[in-house]
Amino acid sequence: MPAVPSLIERYAAHLPVTDRTPRLTLGEGATPLVRARALERETGIPEVWLKVEGQNPTGSFKDRGMVVAVAKALEAGARMVLCASTGNTAASAAAYAARAGLGCAVVLPAGQVAAGKLAQAIAHGARVVAVRGPFDAALAVVRSLAEQGEATLVNSVNPDRLEGQKTAAYEVCEVLGDAPDALFIPVGNAGNITAYWKGFVEATALGLARRRPKMYGYQAEGAAPIVRGSPVAEPETVATAIRVGNPASWKGAVAARDESGGAIDAVSDGEILDAYGFVARCEGVFCEPASAAAIAGLRRRARDGGLRDLRRVVCVLTGNGMKDPERARSLAGAIAEVEATPDAVRRALRS
């Protein structure tokens, strides 16, 4: 069976790579677009699609940008990569560093990273340090360390990350034959909404799309600096992947919003968890809580009557639900334990 081309190979003409850039890959990209019939019925939108980025190798969209960033670091002779993370970046950086034979150092905000993500980083051999403070404090530390030459920084402040992430917009246009009317996406450090917009702009120039979508980004109410218009010193939300108080790509997110005619808004933790349960039970797609911010935003805008002119929308589900299994378990009650007989099991199922 022929090998599937790597993301770098598929999009080399549109990425900052050379013939010397290693064609590093773990099979990232080419994630599915899944039709969301239950959301269509609820919102009245004729077509709703889910871009399931949790199907990437480490379970999140981060792999798209990380493969480019780590490949470029390897090309430049780096021996170690470094990142701050709420979890997904750490998992991805550690995996691609392992694949490339590089060291990886991760700085996390203490007590704010889901166990599934931390386990991935540790399993891939990363050196992990937790700092007292929010993600923004961790990012400030690693930026300083990178400037001092300790390692190559692979957070989304590294432009190679956004270049890789923009390929998701290309894929949406390739599969649908055009850009959607609107894209709904979670916003944390704001690199992904920035990258998608860059991808859609380029897709129209390349003839992959005839139009550009409106970009609708959603932060959590307790971590909504762009919505508030000022940084949040102590961001709080159950959606740990978007628990960011001062996004590094703030300006890019605002540009995507304004140039597309879209919006950046906030949704409550209650709305996020309700959407998280809905998309799992009614669409069969298990995403992490932060991903569900996009679904929550779509549902709220539909209730408010703000989607009447839209016929096709895409919601980006940024990470797999297995990243945060404790959250899923917390939504259910105690599991019944009975004798191993049909009657006992029947009674339990009917109770």
Protein backbone atom coordinates (compact mmCIF):
# COMPACT_ATOMS: atom_id res chain seq x y z
CA MET A 1 0.00 0.00 0.00
CA PRO A 2 1.49 3.39 -0.96
CA ALA A 3 2.32 5.76 1.88
CA VAL A 4 -0.03 8.69 2.46
CA PRO A 5 1.79 11.99 1.76
CA SER A 6 2.65 13.99 4.86
CA LEU A 7 1.01 17.34 5.52
CA ILE A 8 4.30 19.02 4.64
CA GLU A 9 4.46 17.14 1.33
CA ARG A 10 0.84 17.85 0.44
CA TYR A 11 1.10 21.59 1.01
CA ALA A 12 4.82 22.24 0.52
CA ALA A 13 4.15 24.85 -2.16
CA HIS A 14 2.17 26.90 0.37
CA LEU A 15 4.33 26.39 3.46
CA PRO A 16 7.66 27.97 4.49
CA VAL A 17 9.60 24.78 3.73
CA THR A 18 12.55 24.01 1.48
CA ASP A 19 14.02 20.88 -0.06
CA ARG A 20 16.15 20.65 3.09
CA THR A 21 13.16 20.64 5.44
CA PRO A 22 12.69 17.10 6.82
CA ARG A 23 9.38 15.56 5.73
CA LEU A 24 8.48 14.82 9.33
CA THR A 25 5.09 13.22 9.89
CA LEU A 26 2.91 11.21 12.23
CA GLY A 27 0.02 11.16 9.76
CA GLU A 28 -1.44 14.55 10.68
CA GLY A 29 -4.12 16.40 8.73
CA ALA A 30 -6.82 15.11 6.39
CA THR A 31 -9.25 15.05 9.32
CA PRO A 32 -12.92 14.32 8.60
CA LEU A 33 -15.78 16.71 8.04
CA VAL A 34 -18.80 15.07 9.68
CA ARG A 35 -22.35 16.15 8.83
CA ALA A 36 -24.19 17.21 12.02
CA ARG A 37 -27.84 16.33 11.37
CA ALA A 38 -29.01 16.91 14.94
CA LEU A 39 -27.53 20.41 14.95
CA GLU A 40 -29.16 21.08 11.61
CA ARG A 41 -32.56 20.18 13.03
CA GLU A 42 -32.02 22.27 16.14
CA THR A 43 -30.61 25.38 14.46
CA GLY A 44 -32.54 25.29 11.17
CA ILE A 45 -29.34 25.64 9.17
CA PRO A 46 -29.44 23.43 6.05
CA GLU A 47 -25.84 22.20 6.41
CA VAL A 48 -23.75 21.97 9.56
CA TRP A 49 -20.38 20.23 9.40
CA LEU A 50 -17.95 19.32 12.17
CA LYS A 51 -14.23 19.54 11.40
CA VAL A 52 -13.05 16.78 13.73
CA GLU A 53 -9.49 17.79 14.54
CA GLY A 54 -9.39 15.31 17.40
CA GLN A 55 -8.55 12.71 14.73
CA ASN A 56 -5.01 14.10 14.47
CA PRO A 57 -2.23 11.85 15.83
CA THR A 58 -2.05 13.33 19.33
CA GLY A 59 -5.77 14.14 19.40
CA SER A 60 -5.81 17.86 18.63
CA PHE A 61 -5.40 20.48 15.92
CA LYS A 62 -1.98 21.39 17.34
CA ASP A 63 -0.35 18.65 15.25
CA ARG A 64 -0.84 20.61 12.02
CA GLY A 65 1.33 23.48 13.13
CA MET A 66 3.66 21.44 15.31
CA VAL A 67 4.86 19.23 12.48
CA VAL A 68 5.98 22.32 10.55
CA ALA A 69 7.51 24.04 13.58
CA VAL A 70 9.48 20.97 14.66
CA ALA A 71 10.59 20.16 11.11
CA LYS A 72 11.90 23.71 10.70
CA ALA A 73 13.63 23.52 14.09
CA LEU A 74 15.30 20.28 13.01
CA GLU A 75 16.34 21.87 9.72
CA ALA A 76 17.92 24.75 11.64
CA GLY A 77 19.95 22.39 13.81
CA ALA A 78 17.97 22.67 17.04
CA ARG A 79 18.54 20.07 19.73
CA MET A 80 15.51 20.88 21.90
CA VAL A 81 12.08 22.44 21.59
CA LEU A 82 10.26 24.31 24.32
CA CYS A 83 6.65 25.32 24.94
CA ALA A 84 4.17 26.59 27.49
CA SER A 85 0.88 24.76 27.41
CA THR A 86 -2.57 24.14 28.83
CA GLY A 87 -2.07 20.58 27.58
CA ASN A 88 -2.60 20.03 23.87
CA THR A 89 0.52 21.92 22.76
CA ALA A 90 2.57 19.94 25.28
CA ALA A 91 1.29 16.61 23.97
CA SER A 92 1.92 17.58 20.37
CA ALA A 93 5.35 19.11 20.93
CA ALA A 94 6.49 16.08 22.91
CA ALA A 95 5.28 13.64 20.25
CA TYR A 96 6.87 15.43 17.29
CA ALA A 97 10.08 16.08 19.21
CA ALA A 98 10.27 12.35 19.96
CA ARG A 99 9.66 11.57 16.29
CA ALA A 100 12.42 14.01 15.27
CA GLY A 101 14.90 12.83 17.91
CA LEU A 102 14.86 16.16 19.74
CA GLY A 103 14.51 16.95 23.41
CA CYS A 104 11.33 18.64 24.61
CA ALA A 105 10.71 20.86 27.63
CA VAL A 106 7.19 21.80 28.71
CA VAL A 107 6.11 24.48 31.18
CA LEU A 108 2.55 24.14 32.49
CA PRO A 109 0.31 26.24 34.75
CA ALA A 110 0.14 24.20 37.96
CA GLY A 111 -3.13 22.34 38.49
CA GLN A 112 -4.70 23.56 35.24
CA VAL A 113 -3.95 20.76 32.79
CA ALA A 114 -6.24 17.80 32.09
CA ALA A 115 -4.73 14.47 33.06
CA GLY A 116 -5.00 12.95 29.58
CA LYS A 117 -2.88 15.70 28.06
CA LEU A 118 -0.26 15.63 30.81
CA ALA A 119 0.01 11.86 30.44
CA GLN A 120 0.77 12.24 26.72
CA ALA A 121 3.59 14.71 27.28
CA ILE A 122 5.15 12.51 29.95
CA ALA A 123 4.80 9.35 27.85
CA HIS A 124 6.61 10.98 24.94
CA GLY A 125 9.55 11.85 27.19
CA ALA A 126 9.10 15.58 27.74
CA ARG A 127 10.71 17.29 30.72
CA VAL A 128 7.73 18.88 32.47
CA VAL A 129 7.79 21.78 34.93
CA ALA A 130 4.68 23.35 36.50
CA VAL A 131 4.72 27.02 37.49
CA ARG A 132 2.48 28.80 39.97
CA GLY A 133 0.24 31.03 37.90
CA PRO A 134 -1.90 30.99 34.74
CA PHE A 135 -0.91 29.96 31.23
CA ASP A 136 0.16 33.51 30.42
CA ALA A 137 2.82 33.35 33.15
CA ALA A 138 4.10 30.06 31.73
CA LEU A 139 4.27 31.58 28.24
CA ALA A 140 6.24 34.57 29.52
CA VAL A 141 8.77 32.20 31.09
CA VAL A 142 9.33 30.11 27.97
CA ARG A 143 9.59 33.18 25.75
CA SER A 144 12.33 34.47 28.02
CA LEU A 145 14.12 31.11 28.01
CA ALA A 146 13.93 30.92 24.21
CA GLU A 147 15.37 34.41 23.88
CA GLN A 148 18.27 33.26 26.05
CA GLY A 149 18.95 30.42 23.63
CA GLU A 150 17.76 27.53 25.80
CA ALA A 151 15.66 25.92 23.05
CA THR A 152 13.46 26.62 20.01
CA LEU A 153 10.07 27.93 21.05
CA VAL A 154 7.16 26.08 19.40
CA ASN A 155 4.16 27.94 20.82
CA SER A 156 1.90 29.68 18.31
CA VAL A 157 4.07 32.81 18.56
CA ASN A 158 6.30 30.76 16.25
CA PRO A 159 4.99 31.70 12.77
CA ASP A 160 5.63 28.20 11.43
CA ARG A 161 2.87 26.95 13.74
CA LEU A 162 0.22 29.15 12.14
CA GLU A 163 1.43 28.21 8.67
CA GLY A 164 0.78 24.57 9.39
CA GLN A 165 -2.57 25.23 11.06
CA LYS A 166 -3.90 27.17 8.05
CA THR A 167 -3.99 23.91 6.08
CA ALA A 168 -7.22 22.98 7.85
CA ALA A 169 -8.95 25.81 5.96
CA TYR A 170 -7.56 24.44 2.70
CA GLU A 171 -9.01 21.03 3.55
CA VAL A 172 -12.45 22.45 4.32
CA CYS A 173 -12.53 24.14 0.91
CA GLU A 174 -11.23 21.05 -0.87
CA VAL A 175 -13.89 18.78 0.64
CA LEU A 176 -16.85 21.18 0.35
CA GLY A 177 -15.82 22.64 -3.00
CA ASP A 178 -15.88 26.15 -1.50
CA ALA A 179 -15.57 27.90 1.83
CA PRO A 180 -18.62 27.69 4.13
CA ASP A 181 -20.77 30.73 4.85
CA ALA A 182 -19.41 30.80 8.39
CA LEU A 183 -16.85 29.07 10.58
CA PHE A 184 -17.37 28.63 14.33
CA ILE A 185 -14.23 28.08 16.37
CA PRO A 186 -13.05 28.17 20.01
CA VAL A 187 -10.65 30.96 20.93
CA GLY A 188 -7.97 30.57 23.60
CA ASN A 189 -4.52 31.82 22.65
CA ALA A 190 -6.17 32.86 19.34
CA GLY A 191 -3.65 31.30 16.99
CA ASN A 192 -6.15 28.93 15.39
CA ILE A 193 -8.75 31.51 14.36
CA THR A 194 -5.85 33.58 12.99
CA ALA A 195 -4.52 30.60 11.03
CA TYR A 196 -7.90 29.58 9.62
CA TRP A 197 -8.52 33.10 8.36
CA LYS A 198 -5.10 33.15 6.71
CA GLY A 199 -5.91 29.81 5.11
CA PHE A 200 -9.26 30.97 3.75
CA VAL A 201 -7.74 34.16 2.34
CA GLU A 202 -5.09 32.09 0.58
CA ALA A 203 -7.65 29.51 -0.56
CA THR A 204 -9.57 32.17 -2.49
CA ALA A 205 -6.35 33.37 -4.13
CA LEU A 206 -5.50 29.79 -5.12
CA GLY A 207 -8.95 29.13 -6.58
CA LEU A 208 -9.93 26.60 -3.90
CA ALA A 209 -12.81 28.85 -2.83
CA ARG A 210 -14.92 31.57 -4.36
CA ARG A 211 -15.68 33.32 -1.07
CA ARG A 212 -14.44 33.73 2.48
CA PRO A 213 -16.51 32.73 5.50
CA LYS A 214 -17.57 34.88 8.40
CA MET A 215 -15.42 33.94 11.37
CA TYR A 216 -17.23 33.40 14.68
CA GLY A 217 -14.87 32.84 17.60
CA TYR A 218 -15.95 31.86 21.10
CA GLN A 219 -14.18 32.33 24.40
CA ALA A 220 -15.37 31.09 27.79
CA GLU A 221 -17.01 33.79 29.91
CA GLY A 222 -14.40 33.41 32.64
CA ALA A 223 -11.56 33.68 30.13
CA ALA A 224 -12.77 36.23 27.59
CA PRO A 225 -10.16 38.97 27.27
CA ILE A 226 -10.92 39.78 23.63
CA VAL A 227 -14.63 40.12 24.39
CA ARG A 228 -13.90 42.30 27.42
CA GLY A 229 -11.27 44.33 25.61
CA SER A 230 -8.57 43.80 28.25
CA PRO A 231 -6.47 40.93 29.67
CA VAL A 232 -7.93 38.69 32.37
CA ALA A 233 -5.47 38.23 35.23
CA GLU A 234 -6.94 34.98 36.56
CA PRO A 235 -8.93 33.25 33.81
CA GLU A 236 -11.31 30.49 34.91
CA THR A 237 -13.29 27.94 32.92
CA VAL A 238 -13.92 24.20 32.79
CA ALA A 239 -12.63 24.37 29.21
CA THR A 240 -8.95 24.24 30.18
CA ALA A 241 -7.65 24.43 26.61
CA ILE A 242 -9.00 27.98 26.26
CA ARG A 243 -8.20 29.17 29.80
CA VAL A 244 -6.04 32.03 28.52
CA GLY A 245 -6.12 35.58 29.86
CA ASN A 246 -3.93 37.41 27.36
CA PRO A 247 -3.88 35.69 23.93
CA ALA A 248 -0.61 35.84 22.02
CA SER A 249 -2.49 36.14 18.70
CA TRP A 250 -5.01 38.74 19.93
CA LYS A 251 -4.42 41.08 16.97
CA GLY A 252 -4.75 38.25 14.47
CA ALA A 253 -8.07 37.15 15.97
CA VAL A 254 -9.46 40.68 15.85
CA ALA A 255 -8.33 41.03 12.24
CA ALA A 256 -10.03 37.73 11.32
CA ARG A 257 -13.23 38.90 13.01
CA ASP A 258 -13.25 42.34 11.43
CA GLU A 259 -12.08 41.42 7.92
CA SER A 260 -14.60 38.57 7.69
CA GLY A 261 -17.56 40.49 9.13
CA GLY A 262 -17.89 37.94 11.94
CA ALA A 263 -17.77 38.20 15.72
CA ILE A 264 -15.93 37.05 18.82
CA ASP A 265 -18.22 36.37 21.77
CA ALA A 266 -18.26 34.48 25.05
CA VAL A 267 -20.28 31.47 26.20
CA SER A 268 -20.82 30.26 29.74
CA ASP A 269 -19.37 27.07 31.20
CA GLY A 270 -22.93 25.78 31.45
CA GLU A 271 -23.47 26.33 27.72
CA ILE A 272 -20.13 24.69 26.95
CA LEU A 273 -20.92 21.58 28.99
CA ASP A 274 -24.42 21.33 27.54
CA ALA A 275 -23.00 21.50 24.01
CA TYR A 276 -20.27 19.01 24.99
CA GLY A 277 -22.89 16.48 26.06
CA PHE A 278 -25.15 17.21 23.10
CA VAL A 279 -22.55 16.63 20.40
CA ALA A 280 -21.47 13.36 22.03
CA ARG A 281 -25.00 11.98 22.56
CA CYS A 282 -26.68 13.31 19.43
CA GLU A 283 -23.88 13.38 16.85
CA GLY A 284 -21.65 10.58 18.14
CA VAL A 285 -18.58 12.84 18.28
CA PHE A 286 -16.63 13.01 21.54
CA CYS A 287 -14.76 16.29 21.81
CA GLU A 288 -12.98 18.01 24.67
CA PRO A 289 -14.90 20.79 26.50
CA ALA A 290 -13.02 23.64 24.80
CA SER A 291 -14.10 22.31 21.39
CA ALA A 292 -17.72 22.53 22.50
CA ALA A 293 -17.42 26.31 22.79
CA ALA A 294 -17.87 26.42 19.01
CA ILE A 295 -21.06 24.35 19.25
CA ALA A 296 -22.32 26.46 22.17
CA GLY A 297 -21.71 29.59 20.13
CA LEU A 298 -23.58 28.21 17.14
CA ARG A 299 -26.56 27.20 19.28
CA ARG A 300 -26.73 30.57 21.03
CA ARG A 301 -26.52 32.53 17.79
CA ALA A 302 -29.24 30.34 16.30
CA ARG A 303 -31.52 30.97 19.31
CA ASP A 304 -30.92 34.70 18.95
CA GLY A 305 -31.90 34.60 15.28
CA GLY A 306 -28.46 35.58 14.02
CA LEU A 307 -28.03 32.82 11.44
CA ARG A 308 -30.99 33.28 9.11
CA ASP A 309 -28.88 33.96 6.01
CA LEU A 310 -26.47 31.06 6.51
CA ARG A 311 -26.90 27.84 4.55
CA ARG A 312 -23.61 26.04 5.29
CA VAL A 313 -21.48 26.35 8.42
CA VAL A 314 -18.48 24.48 9.82
CA CYS A 315 -17.73 24.06 13.53
CA VAL A 316 -14.13 23.29 14.42
CA LEU A 317 -13.78 20.64 17.13
CA THR A 318 -10.22 21.24 18.20
CA GLY A 319 -9.53 18.23 20.43
CA ASN A 320 -10.60 14.70 21.30
CA GLY A 321 -12.76 14.05 24.34
CA MET A 322 -10.27 11.49 25.67
CA LYS A 323 -8.01 14.44 26.47
CA ASP A 324 -10.16 15.12 29.54
CA PRO A 325 -11.86 11.87 30.60
CA GLU A 326 -12.54 13.15 34.13
CA ARG A 327 -14.90 15.78 32.74
CA ALA A 328 -16.95 13.18 30.87
CA ARG A 329 -17.11 10.95 33.92
CA SER A 330 -18.33 13.83 36.07
CA LEU A 331 -21.44 14.24 33.91
CA ALA A 332 -22.79 10.81 34.89
CA GLY A 333 -24.02 9.43 38.18
CA ALA A 334 -22.79 6.31 39.91
CA ILE A 335 -22.55 3.23 37.73
CA ALA A 336 -24.85 0.47 38.97
CA GLU A 337 -23.10 -2.68 40.18
CA VAL A 338 -25.32 -5.80 40.29
CA GLU A 339 -25.15 -9.57 40.25
CA ALA A 340 -24.17 -11.16 36.93
CA THR A 341 -27.70 -12.31 36.00
CA PRO A 342 -30.01 -11.16 33.21
CA ASP A 343 -32.74 -10.20 35.68
CA ALA A 344 -30.41 -8.08 37.81
CA VAL A 345 -29.03 -6.29 34.76
CA ARG A 346 -32.56 -5.76 33.36
CA ARG A 347 -33.74 -4.17 36.60
CA ALA A 348 -30.71 -1.90 36.68
CA LEU A 349 -31.24 -0.77 33.10
CA ARG A 350 -34.89 0.02 33.79
CA SER A 351 -34.33 1.86 37.05
